[in-house]
Structure formats: structure tokens, C-alpha cells
Amino acid sequence: MVDQLILWDQSLMVFLNNLGSPTYDGLWLFLTKQFYWSPYFAVILYLTYTKLGTKNFLYLLLFTTLLLMVTDQSANLFKNYFMRLRPCNEPALEGLIRVIKSSDTYSFYSGHATNSMATTVLVFSLLRPYYKYAPLLFLFPLIFAYSRIYLGLHYPGDILTGYFFGAGYGYLTYRLYRKFILKD
């Protein structure tokens, strides 16, 4: 069963990765770096600050920092336990995928997907009562994580697993924030 899942994951990787073209490689290299998302993050920080106020916003920054530490370290624990090669390093995929960027670390599961989904779930949960377009926040983890497939760094299964863990961590953090800070 696990072998079949791996084959499906590899097949989907080949399909999704090969949707790219050299024309767009620079765009996806740009989109995969957190630094270039800074204007987006600044807007989100401003929106949360205006709705939460200074004290609650500072607590949110603390909760978010702790959340990112947990998500990042849990992804690293899984990577070092499973030691799954990244698609860019997988001999079975050589010549079948476009490798735009490579890395020597392991693949399963994606820290980028986990971090982006966790923070998005947390912020979405806090902002949805105030903004009817809050679901658009989920475009960030979708675009950000797809860049990892496009570049040849992660399998779709790595991304989906990262989303699953990230959503769980983000929701748990939201519940803790509401209970201890907002006292709802």
C-alpha cells in the first residue's frame, strides 16, 4: 500500500512539475522565498493589529513565533526520521522532472507548507468575523507550497501532509489564543 502511494505521489509530481516552462521559472523562484512576501505579511499584520489592538496583537506575535517554532521543528523531525529524498535528488525521477532548484535536505514533509498553512489558519480564524474576503488568505499557502513542486523540491504528498499538520497546529494555536488571551 505504501509503495502504491509513493508511485502515485511520484506520478502526480511528474505531471504537476512538468506544467512549468522556462518562461516562468524566475517567477516561481521569486515566489518560493518568504522575504518577497513581506508586503503581503505587512498588510496582514496591519489588519490583525487594527482588529486586535496593541496588547492582543503582541500576544499574537508571541503565539505565532511559538507556532512557527513547533511547525518547523516537527517538519524537521519527520524529515530526519523518514529520510525521503527530494524529487530533485530521486534517481527514479531523473530526466522526468524539471529541477529548477535543488537541496540536500530531506523531503517529507514540507516545512514551507506546514508553516504557511498554520499561520494562515491562525490569522484566518481571527480575521474571518471582520472580513468577508478572509478566505482569500488561503491563496498564500497554495501558491507558496506549489512553488516547491514547480521547482522540484517537494512531492505533492509532502505538501498535503504539511497542510494537514499546519492546519491542525494553526487551529490548536487559535483555540489556545482565544482561551488564554481573548478569554472567550
N, C-alpha and C. Protein backbone atom coordinates (compact mmCIF):
# COMPACT_ATOMS: atom_id res chain seq x y z
N MET A 1 0.81 -1.20 0.00
CA MET A 1 0.00 0.00 0.00
C MET A 1 0.85 1.26 0.00
N VAL A 2 1.88 1.30 0.85
CA VAL A 2 2.76 2.46 0.91
C VAL A 2 3.48 2.63 -0.41
N ASP A 3 3.92 1.53 -0.99
CA ASP A 3 4.61 1.60 -2.28
C ASP A 3 3.70 2.19 -3.36
N GLN A 4 2.42 1.83 -3.33
CA GLN A 4 1.47 2.38 -4.32
C GLN A 4 1.28 3.88 -4.11
N LEU A 5 1.20 4.32 -2.84
CA LEU A 5 1.07 5.75 -2.56
C LEU A 5 2.29 6.52 -3.06
N ILE A 6 3.46 5.94 -2.88
CA ILE A 6 4.69 6.59 -3.36
C ILE A 6 4.67 6.71 -4.88
N LEU A 7 4.24 5.67 -5.56
CA LEU A 7 4.15 5.71 -7.03
C LEU A 7 3.16 6.77 -7.49
N TRP A 8 2.00 6.86 -6.84
CA TRP A 8 1.02 7.88 -7.20
C TRP A 8 1.59 9.28 -6.95
N ASP A 9 2.28 9.43 -5.83
CA ASP A 9 2.88 10.71 -5.49
C ASP A 9 3.92 11.11 -6.54
N GLN A 10 4.73 10.15 -6.95
CA GLN A 10 5.74 10.43 -7.97
C GLN A 10 5.09 10.76 -9.31
N SER A 11 4.05 10.04 -9.68
CA SER A 11 3.35 10.31 -10.95
C SER A 11 2.73 11.70 -10.95
N LEU A 12 2.09 12.06 -9.83
CA LEU A 12 1.50 13.39 -9.73
C LEU A 12 2.58 14.46 -9.75
N MET A 13 3.71 14.17 -9.12
CA MET A 13 4.84 15.09 -9.13
C MET A 13 5.31 15.35 -10.56
N VAL A 14 5.48 14.30 -11.32
CA VAL A 14 5.93 14.44 -12.71
C VAL A 14 4.95 15.30 -13.49
N PHE A 15 3.65 15.02 -13.32
CA PHE A 15 2.63 15.79 -14.04
C PHE A 15 2.66 17.27 -13.66
N LEU A 16 2.57 17.56 -12.35
CA LEU A 16 2.50 18.94 -11.90
C LEU A 16 3.78 19.72 -12.19
N ASN A 17 4.90 19.09 -11.98
CA ASN A 17 6.18 19.75 -12.22
C ASN A 17 6.36 20.08 -13.69
N ASN A 18 5.91 19.21 -14.56
CA ASN A 18 6.09 19.43 -16.00
C ASN A 18 5.08 20.40 -16.59
N LEU A 19 4.18 20.93 -15.79
CA LEU A 19 3.30 22.00 -16.26
C LEU A 19 4.09 23.31 -16.43
N GLY A 20 5.26 23.36 -15.82
CA GLY A 20 6.07 24.57 -15.87
C GLY A 20 6.81 24.73 -17.18
N SER A 21 7.37 25.92 -17.35
CA SER A 21 8.20 26.20 -18.52
C SER A 21 9.27 27.20 -18.13
N PRO A 22 10.37 27.23 -18.86
CA PRO A 22 11.45 28.17 -18.53
C PRO A 22 10.99 29.63 -18.44
N THR A 23 9.94 29.97 -19.16
CA THR A 23 9.41 31.33 -19.13
C THR A 23 9.03 31.75 -17.72
N TYR A 24 8.53 30.82 -16.92
CA TYR A 24 8.01 31.14 -15.59
C TYR A 24 8.93 30.72 -14.45
N ASP A 25 10.07 30.15 -14.75
CA ASP A 25 10.97 29.69 -13.69
C ASP A 25 11.36 30.80 -12.73
N GLY A 26 11.68 31.97 -13.26
CA GLY A 26 12.06 33.10 -12.41
C GLY A 26 10.96 33.52 -11.46
N LEU A 27 9.73 33.51 -11.95
CA LEU A 27 8.58 33.86 -11.11
C LEU A 27 8.47 32.90 -9.93
N TRP A 28 8.58 31.60 -10.19
CA TRP A 28 8.42 30.62 -9.12
C TRP A 28 9.61 30.61 -8.16
N LEU A 29 10.80 30.96 -8.66
CA LEU A 29 11.94 31.13 -7.76
C LEU A 29 11.71 32.32 -6.83
N PHE A 30 11.09 33.36 -7.35
CA PHE A 30 10.73 34.54 -6.57
C PHE A 30 9.67 34.19 -5.52
N LEU A 31 8.62 33.48 -5.95
CA LEU A 31 7.50 33.18 -5.06
C LEU A 31 7.86 32.22 -3.92
N THR A 32 8.91 31.44 -4.06
CA THR A 32 9.26 30.46 -3.05
C THR A 32 10.03 31.07 -1.87
N LYS A 33 10.46 32.31 -1.99
CA LYS A 33 11.22 32.96 -0.92
C LYS A 33 10.29 33.80 -0.04
N GLN A 34 10.33 33.51 1.25
CA GLN A 34 9.46 34.21 2.20
C GLN A 34 9.69 35.72 2.17
N PHE A 35 10.92 36.14 1.99
CA PHE A 35 11.25 37.56 2.01
C PHE A 35 10.40 38.36 1.03
N TYR A 36 10.16 37.83 -0.13
CA TYR A 36 9.41 38.55 -1.16
C TYR A 36 7.92 38.65 -0.86
N TRP A 37 7.48 37.92 0.12
CA TRP A 37 6.09 38.01 0.56
C TRP A 37 5.92 39.09 1.64
N SER A 38 6.98 39.80 1.98
CA SER A 38 6.94 40.79 3.06
C SER A 38 5.82 41.82 2.93
N PRO A 39 5.55 42.37 1.75
CA PRO A 39 4.42 43.32 1.67
C PRO A 39 3.08 42.66 2.04
N TYR A 40 2.89 41.43 1.62
CA TYR A 40 1.67 40.69 1.99
C TYR A 40 1.61 40.53 3.51
N PHE A 41 2.72 40.11 4.12
CA PHE A 41 2.75 39.93 5.57
C PHE A 41 2.48 41.26 6.28
N ALA A 42 3.02 42.35 5.76
CA ALA A 42 2.81 43.66 6.39
C ALA A 42 1.33 44.03 6.39
N VAL A 43 0.64 43.77 5.29
CA VAL A 43 -0.80 44.06 5.23
C VAL A 43 -1.56 43.21 6.24
N ILE A 44 -1.21 41.92 6.31
CA ILE A 44 -1.89 41.02 7.25
C ILE A 44 -1.62 41.47 8.69
N LEU A 45 -0.39 41.84 8.98
CA LEU A 45 -0.07 42.34 10.32
C LEU A 45 -0.87 43.59 10.65
N TYR A 46 -0.97 44.49 9.68
CA TYR A 46 -1.75 45.71 9.90
C TYR A 46 -3.22 45.39 10.17
N LEU A 47 -3.80 44.50 9.37
CA LEU A 47 -5.21 44.14 9.55
C LEU A 47 -5.46 43.50 10.92
N THR A 48 -4.56 42.63 11.33
CA THR A 48 -4.75 41.99 12.64
C THR A 48 -4.54 43.00 13.77
N TYR A 49 -3.58 43.87 13.61
CA TYR A 49 -3.33 44.89 14.62
C TYR A 49 -4.56 45.79 14.81
N THR A 50 -5.17 46.20 13.69
CA THR A 50 -6.33 47.10 13.79
C THR A 50 -7.52 46.42 14.45
N LYS A 51 -7.63 45.12 14.32
CA LYS A 51 -8.77 44.41 14.91
C LYS A 51 -8.51 43.92 16.33
N LEU A 52 -7.25 43.67 16.67
CA LEU A 52 -6.94 43.10 17.99
C LEU A 52 -6.47 44.13 19.00
N GLY A 53 -5.91 45.24 18.56
CA GLY A 53 -5.33 46.22 19.48
C GLY A 53 -3.91 45.83 19.84
N THR A 54 -3.21 46.73 20.46
CA THR A 54 -1.78 46.56 20.71
C THR A 54 -1.46 45.34 21.57
N LYS A 55 -2.09 45.25 22.74
CA LYS A 55 -1.76 44.17 23.67
C LYS A 55 -2.04 42.79 23.06
N ASN A 56 -3.23 42.60 22.52
CA ASN A 56 -3.58 41.30 21.93
C ASN A 56 -2.75 41.00 20.69
N PHE A 57 -2.39 42.04 19.95
CA PHE A 57 -1.54 41.86 18.78
C PHE A 57 -0.15 41.37 19.19
N LEU A 58 0.40 41.94 20.25
CA LEU A 58 1.72 41.50 20.72
C LEU A 58 1.67 40.05 21.19
N TYR A 59 0.58 39.68 21.86
CA TYR A 59 0.41 38.28 22.23
C TYR A 59 0.30 37.39 21.00
N LEU A 60 -0.37 37.89 19.98
CA LEU A 60 -0.47 37.12 18.74
C LEU A 60 0.90 36.90 18.12
N LEU A 61 1.76 37.90 18.16
CA LEU A 61 3.12 37.74 17.64
C LEU A 61 3.87 36.66 18.42
N LEU A 62 3.69 36.65 19.74
CA LEU A 62 4.31 35.62 20.56
C LEU A 62 3.78 34.24 20.21
N PHE A 63 2.47 34.10 20.11
CA PHE A 63 1.85 32.82 19.75
C PHE A 63 2.31 32.37 18.36
N THR A 64 2.41 33.31 17.43
CA THR A 64 2.84 32.97 16.07
C THR A 64 4.30 32.52 16.06
N THR A 65 5.13 33.16 16.83
CA THR A 65 6.54 32.75 16.93
C THR A 65 6.64 31.33 17.47
N LEU A 66 5.90 31.05 18.53
CA LEU A 66 5.90 29.69 19.09
C LEU A 66 5.34 28.68 18.10
N LEU A 67 4.28 29.07 17.39
CA LEU A 67 3.69 28.21 16.37
C LEU A 67 4.71 27.87 15.29
N LEU A 68 5.43 28.86 14.80
CA LEU A 68 6.43 28.61 13.76
C LEU A 68 7.57 27.73 14.26
N MET A 69 7.94 27.89 15.51
CA MET A 69 8.98 27.02 16.07
C MET A 69 8.51 25.57 16.09
N VAL A 70 7.27 25.35 16.53
CA VAL A 70 6.72 23.99 16.60
C VAL A 70 6.57 23.38 15.21
N THR A 71 6.01 24.15 14.28
CA THR A 71 5.80 23.60 12.94
C THR A 71 7.12 23.29 12.26
N ASP A 72 8.07 24.18 12.41
CA ASP A 72 9.37 23.97 11.76
C ASP A 72 10.09 22.76 12.33
N GLN A 73 10.10 22.65 13.65
CA GLN A 73 10.82 21.54 14.27
C GLN A 73 10.12 20.20 14.05
N SER A 74 8.79 20.19 14.02
CA SER A 74 8.10 18.93 13.76
C SER A 74 8.35 18.47 12.34
N ALA A 75 8.37 19.39 11.38
CA ALA A 75 8.69 19.01 10.00
C ALA A 75 10.10 18.45 9.91
N ASN A 76 11.04 19.07 10.62
CA ASN A 76 12.42 18.57 10.61
C ASN A 76 12.53 17.18 11.25
N LEU A 77 11.78 16.95 12.32
CA LEU A 77 11.78 15.62 12.95
C LEU A 77 11.30 14.56 11.97
N PHE A 78 10.22 14.85 11.26
CA PHE A 78 9.70 13.90 10.27
C PHE A 78 10.70 13.69 9.14
N LYS A 79 11.29 14.77 8.66
CA LYS A 79 12.26 14.65 7.56
C LYS A 79 13.42 13.76 7.97
N ASN A 80 13.93 13.97 9.16
CA ASN A 80 15.08 13.18 9.61
C ASN A 80 14.71 11.75 9.99
N TYR A 81 13.45 11.51 10.30
CA TYR A 81 13.01 10.15 10.60
C TYR A 81 12.77 9.36 9.31
N PHE A 82 12.02 9.94 8.38
CA PHE A 82 11.68 9.22 7.15
C PHE A 82 12.78 9.27 6.10
N MET A 83 13.59 10.30 6.11
CA MET A 83 14.72 10.46 5.18
C MET A 83 14.33 10.22 3.72
N ARG A 84 13.21 10.76 3.32
CA ARG A 84 12.76 10.63 1.93
C ARG A 84 13.53 11.63 1.06
N LEU A 85 14.11 11.14 0.00
CA LEU A 85 14.83 12.02 -0.90
C LEU A 85 13.87 13.01 -1.55
N ARG A 86 14.36 14.21 -1.77
CA ARG A 86 13.58 15.20 -2.51
C ARG A 86 13.47 14.75 -3.96
N PRO A 87 12.43 15.18 -4.65
CA PRO A 87 12.28 14.80 -6.06
C PRO A 87 13.52 15.15 -6.89
N CYS A 88 14.14 16.28 -6.59
CA CYS A 88 15.32 16.71 -7.35
C CYS A 88 16.50 15.77 -7.16
N ASN A 89 16.48 14.95 -6.12
CA ASN A 89 17.57 14.01 -5.83
C ASN A 89 17.18 12.55 -6.05
N GLU A 90 15.94 12.30 -6.45
CA GLU A 90 15.44 10.95 -6.61
C GLU A 90 15.89 10.36 -7.95
N PRO A 91 16.73 9.33 -7.92
CA PRO A 91 17.22 8.74 -9.17
C PRO A 91 16.09 8.26 -10.10
N ALA A 92 14.99 7.78 -9.54
CA ALA A 92 13.88 7.29 -10.36
C ALA A 92 13.20 8.41 -11.15
N LEU A 93 13.39 9.64 -10.74
CA LEU A 93 12.75 10.77 -11.42
C LEU A 93 13.71 11.55 -12.31
N GLU A 94 14.96 11.13 -12.33
CA GLU A 94 15.96 11.83 -13.14
C GLU A 94 15.54 11.83 -14.61
N GLY A 95 15.50 13.01 -15.19
CA GLY A 95 15.09 13.16 -16.58
C GLY A 95 13.58 13.25 -16.78
N LEU A 96 12.81 12.99 -15.71
CA LEU A 96 11.35 13.04 -15.81
C LEU A 96 10.76 14.35 -15.29
N ILE A 97 11.51 15.03 -14.42
CA ILE A 97 11.03 16.29 -13.87
C ILE A 97 12.01 17.41 -14.20
N ARG A 98 11.49 18.61 -14.12
CA ARG A 98 12.30 19.80 -14.30
C ARG A 98 12.84 20.19 -12.93
N VAL A 99 14.14 20.22 -12.77
CA VAL A 99 14.75 20.61 -11.50
C VAL A 99 15.25 22.04 -11.66
N ILE A 100 14.56 22.96 -11.00
CA ILE A 100 14.91 24.37 -11.08
C ILE A 100 15.79 24.76 -9.90
N LYS A 101 15.57 24.11 -8.79
CA LYS A 101 16.33 24.37 -7.57
C LYS A 101 16.55 23.04 -6.88
N SER A 102 17.68 22.90 -6.22
CA SER A 102 17.92 21.64 -5.52
C SER A 102 18.29 21.91 -4.07
N SER A 103 18.20 20.85 -3.28
CA SER A 103 18.52 20.92 -1.86
C SER A 103 18.99 19.55 -1.42
N ASP A 104 19.89 19.52 -0.47
CA ASP A 104 20.42 18.25 0.04
C ASP A 104 19.65 17.73 1.24
N THR A 105 18.67 18.48 1.74
CA THR A 105 17.90 18.02 2.88
C THR A 105 16.80 17.07 2.41
N TYR A 106 16.08 16.50 3.37
CA TYR A 106 15.04 15.54 3.03
C TYR A 106 13.71 16.23 2.72
N SER A 107 12.77 15.43 2.22
CA SER A 107 11.57 15.97 1.63
C SER A 107 10.31 15.87 2.49
N PHE A 108 10.10 14.78 3.20
CA PHE A 108 8.81 14.52 3.83
C PHE A 108 8.81 14.97 5.28
N TYR A 109 7.99 15.90 5.64
CA TYR A 109 7.01 16.65 4.87
C TYR A 109 7.45 18.09 4.77
N SER A 110 6.76 18.88 3.96
CA SER A 110 7.19 20.24 3.64
C SER A 110 7.00 21.21 4.80
N GLY A 111 8.11 21.77 5.24
CA GLY A 111 8.04 22.81 6.27
C GLY A 111 7.40 24.08 5.73
N HIS A 112 7.65 24.41 4.45
CA HIS A 112 7.02 25.58 3.84
C HIS A 112 5.49 25.44 3.88
N ALA A 113 4.99 24.27 3.50
CA ALA A 113 3.54 24.05 3.50
C ALA A 113 2.99 24.10 4.92
N THR A 114 3.71 23.51 5.85
CA THR A 114 3.25 23.48 7.25
C THR A 114 3.19 24.88 7.84
N ASN A 115 4.28 25.62 7.70
CA ASN A 115 4.34 26.98 8.26
C ASN A 115 3.30 27.90 7.64
N SER A 116 3.20 27.85 6.31
CA SER A 116 2.27 28.77 5.65
C SER A 116 0.82 28.43 5.98
N MET A 117 0.48 27.14 6.05
CA MET A 117 -0.90 26.77 6.39
C MET A 117 -1.20 27.06 7.85
N ALA A 118 -0.27 26.79 8.74
CA ALA A 118 -0.51 27.04 10.17
C ALA A 118 -0.77 28.51 10.44
N THR A 119 0.07 29.37 9.91
CA THR A 119 -0.12 30.81 10.15
C THR A 119 -1.38 31.32 9.46
N THR A 120 -1.70 30.77 8.30
CA THR A 120 -2.90 31.21 7.59
C THR A 120 -4.16 30.80 8.35
N VAL A 121 -4.19 29.57 8.85
CA VAL A 121 -5.36 29.12 9.63
C VAL A 121 -5.52 29.99 10.87
N LEU A 122 -4.44 30.28 11.55
CA LEU A 122 -4.50 31.12 12.75
C LEU A 122 -5.06 32.50 12.42
N VAL A 123 -4.47 33.16 11.43
CA VAL A 123 -4.89 34.52 11.08
C VAL A 123 -6.30 34.52 10.49
N PHE A 124 -6.59 33.56 9.63
CA PHE A 124 -7.94 33.46 9.06
C PHE A 124 -8.99 33.32 10.16
N SER A 125 -8.71 32.46 11.13
CA SER A 125 -9.67 32.23 12.21
C SER A 125 -9.94 33.50 13.01
N LEU A 126 -8.91 34.33 13.15
CA LEU A 126 -9.08 35.58 13.89
C LEU A 126 -9.76 36.67 13.06
N LEU A 127 -9.49 36.69 11.75
CA LEU A 127 -9.99 37.78 10.90
C LEU A 127 -11.32 37.50 10.22
N ARG A 128 -11.73 36.25 10.15
CA ARG A 128 -12.94 35.94 9.37
C ARG A 128 -14.20 36.65 9.87
N PRO A 129 -14.35 36.94 11.18
CA PRO A 129 -15.56 37.68 11.57
C PRO A 129 -15.58 39.13 11.04
N TYR A 130 -14.42 39.65 10.66
CA TYR A 130 -14.31 41.05 10.27
C TYR A 130 -14.26 41.27 8.75
N TYR A 131 -13.80 40.28 8.01
CA TYR A 131 -13.58 40.46 6.58
C TYR A 131 -14.22 39.33 5.79
N LYS A 132 -15.15 39.67 4.91
CA LYS A 132 -15.83 38.63 4.15
C LYS A 132 -14.91 37.96 3.13
N TYR A 133 -13.83 38.62 2.76
CA TYR A 133 -12.88 38.03 1.81
C TYR A 133 -11.71 37.33 2.51
N ALA A 134 -11.83 37.09 3.78
CA ALA A 134 -10.76 36.41 4.53
C ALA A 134 -10.35 35.07 3.92
N PRO A 135 -11.25 34.30 3.30
CA PRO A 135 -10.82 33.03 2.68
C PRO A 135 -9.73 33.21 1.61
N LEU A 136 -9.61 34.41 1.07
CA LEU A 136 -8.55 34.65 0.08
C LEU A 136 -7.15 34.50 0.69
N LEU A 137 -7.07 34.56 2.02
CA LEU A 137 -5.78 34.34 2.68
C LEU A 137 -5.18 32.99 2.30
N PHE A 138 -6.03 32.02 1.97
CA PHE A 138 -5.54 30.68 1.66
C PHE A 138 -4.86 30.59 0.30
N LEU A 139 -4.90 31.67 -0.47
CA LEU A 139 -4.12 31.69 -1.71
C LEU A 139 -2.62 31.66 -1.40
N PHE A 140 -2.25 32.28 -0.28
CA PHE A 140 -0.82 32.30 0.08
C PHE A 140 -0.25 30.90 0.25
N PRO A 141 -0.80 30.02 1.10
CA PRO A 141 -0.17 28.70 1.22
C PRO A 141 -0.28 27.88 -0.07
N LEU A 142 -1.33 28.09 -0.85
CA LEU A 142 -1.46 27.34 -2.10
C LEU A 142 -0.35 27.72 -3.10
N ILE A 143 -0.15 29.01 -3.28
CA ILE A 143 0.88 29.47 -4.21
C ILE A 143 2.28 29.15 -3.67
N PHE A 144 2.48 29.46 -2.41
CA PHE A 144 3.78 29.28 -1.77
C PHE A 144 4.22 27.82 -1.82
N ALA A 145 3.32 26.91 -1.48
CA ALA A 145 3.67 25.50 -1.45
C ALA A 145 3.79 24.91 -2.86
N TYR A 146 2.93 25.36 -3.80
CA TYR A 146 3.05 24.85 -5.16
C TYR A 146 4.42 25.19 -5.76
N SER A 147 4.98 26.32 -5.33
CA SER A 147 6.31 26.69 -5.83
C SER A 147 7.33 25.59 -5.54
N ARG A 148 7.14 24.87 -4.46
CA ARG A 148 8.07 23.81 -4.08
C ARG A 148 7.97 22.61 -5.04
N ILE A 149 6.75 22.34 -5.52
CA ILE A 149 6.55 21.28 -6.51
C ILE A 149 7.14 21.74 -7.85
N TYR A 150 6.81 22.95 -8.24
CA TYR A 150 7.29 23.51 -9.50
C TYR A 150 8.80 23.44 -9.60
N LEU A 151 9.48 23.78 -8.51
CA LEU A 151 10.95 23.84 -8.51
C LEU A 151 11.61 22.47 -8.41
N GLY A 152 10.83 21.44 -8.08
CA GLY A 152 11.37 20.09 -7.96
C GLY A 152 11.84 19.75 -6.56
N LEU A 153 11.37 20.48 -5.56
CA LEU A 153 11.84 20.30 -4.18
C LEU A 153 10.94 19.43 -3.31
N HIS A 154 9.65 19.33 -3.66
CA HIS A 154 8.72 18.56 -2.84
C HIS A 154 7.72 17.81 -3.70
N TYR A 155 7.31 16.67 -3.19
CA TYR A 155 6.23 15.89 -3.79
C TYR A 155 4.90 16.48 -3.35
N PRO A 156 3.84 16.24 -4.12
CA PRO A 156 2.51 16.68 -3.67
C PRO A 156 2.13 16.11 -2.30
N GLY A 157 2.52 14.88 -2.02
CA GLY A 157 2.23 14.28 -0.72
C GLY A 157 2.92 15.01 0.42
N ASP A 158 4.10 15.53 0.17
CA ASP A 158 4.81 16.34 1.18
C ASP A 158 4.01 17.59 1.50
N ILE A 159 3.46 18.19 0.44
CA ILE A 159 2.69 19.43 0.58
C ILE A 159 1.39 19.14 1.32
N LEU A 160 0.66 18.11 0.90
CA LEU A 160 -0.62 17.79 1.54
C LEU A 160 -0.44 17.42 3.00
N THR A 161 0.61 16.67 3.31
CA THR A 161 0.87 16.31 4.70
C THR A 161 1.22 17.56 5.50
N GLY A 162 2.01 18.45 4.91
CA GLY A 162 2.33 19.71 5.57
C GLY A 162 1.10 20.55 5.82
N TYR A 163 0.19 20.58 4.84
CA TYR A 163 -1.07 21.30 5.02
C TYR A 163 -1.87 20.71 6.18
N PHE A 164 -1.93 19.38 6.25
CA PHE A 164 -2.69 18.71 7.30
C PHE A 164 -2.14 19.08 8.68
N PHE A 165 -0.83 18.92 8.86
CA PHE A 165 -0.22 19.25 10.15
C PHE A 165 -0.34 20.75 10.43
N GLY A 166 -0.10 21.57 9.42
CA GLY A 166 -0.18 23.02 9.59
C GLY A 166 -1.56 23.47 10.00
N ALA A 167 -2.60 22.92 9.36
CA ALA A 167 -3.97 23.29 9.71
C ALA A 167 -4.27 22.89 11.16
N GLY A 168 -3.81 21.73 11.56
CA GLY A 168 -4.02 21.29 12.94
C GLY A 168 -3.31 22.17 13.94
N TYR A 169 -2.04 22.45 13.68
CA TYR A 169 -1.28 23.32 14.58
C TYR A 169 -1.88 24.73 14.61
N GLY A 170 -2.27 25.25 13.45
CA GLY A 170 -2.84 26.59 13.39
C GLY A 170 -4.14 26.69 14.16
N TYR A 171 -5.00 25.68 13.99
CA TYR A 171 -6.29 25.70 14.69
C TYR A 171 -6.10 25.55 16.19
N LEU A 172 -5.19 24.67 16.60
CA LEU A 172 -4.91 24.50 18.03
C LEU A 172 -4.39 25.81 18.63
N THR A 173 -3.51 26.47 17.92
CA THR A 173 -2.98 27.75 18.40
C THR A 173 -4.08 28.79 18.50
N TYR A 174 -4.96 28.81 17.52
CA TYR A 174 -6.11 29.72 17.55
C TYR A 174 -6.96 29.48 18.79
N ARG A 175 -7.26 28.20 19.07
CA ARG A 175 -8.09 27.87 20.24
C ARG A 175 -7.40 28.30 21.54
N LEU A 176 -6.09 28.06 21.63
CA LEU A 176 -5.34 28.46 22.82
C LEU A 176 -5.31 29.99 22.96
N TYR A 177 -5.13 30.68 21.85
CA TYR A 177 -5.12 32.15 21.86
C TYR A 177 -6.47 32.69 22.34
N ARG A 178 -7.54 32.11 21.84
CA ARG A 178 -8.89 32.55 22.25
C ARG A 178 -9.11 32.29 23.74
N LYS A 179 -8.67 31.13 24.20
CA LYS A 179 -8.91 30.74 25.59
C LYS A 179 -8.10 31.58 26.56
N PHE A 180 -6.81 31.79 26.27
CA PHE A 180 -5.92 32.43 27.25
C PHE A 180 -5.74 33.92 27.04
N ILE A 181 -5.92 34.40 25.82
CA ILE A 181 -5.72 35.82 25.57
C ILE A 181 -7.04 36.56 25.39
N LEU A 182 -7.90 36.07 24.51
CA LEU A 182 -9.18 36.73 24.30
C LEU A 182 -10.20 36.34 25.36
N LYS A 183 -9.92 35.23 26.04
CA LYS A 183 -10.76 34.71 27.13
C LYS A 183 -12.23 34.56 26.72
N ASP A 184 -12.43 33.95 25.56
CA ASP A 184 -13.79 33.67 25.05
C ASP A 184 -14.29 32.35 25.58
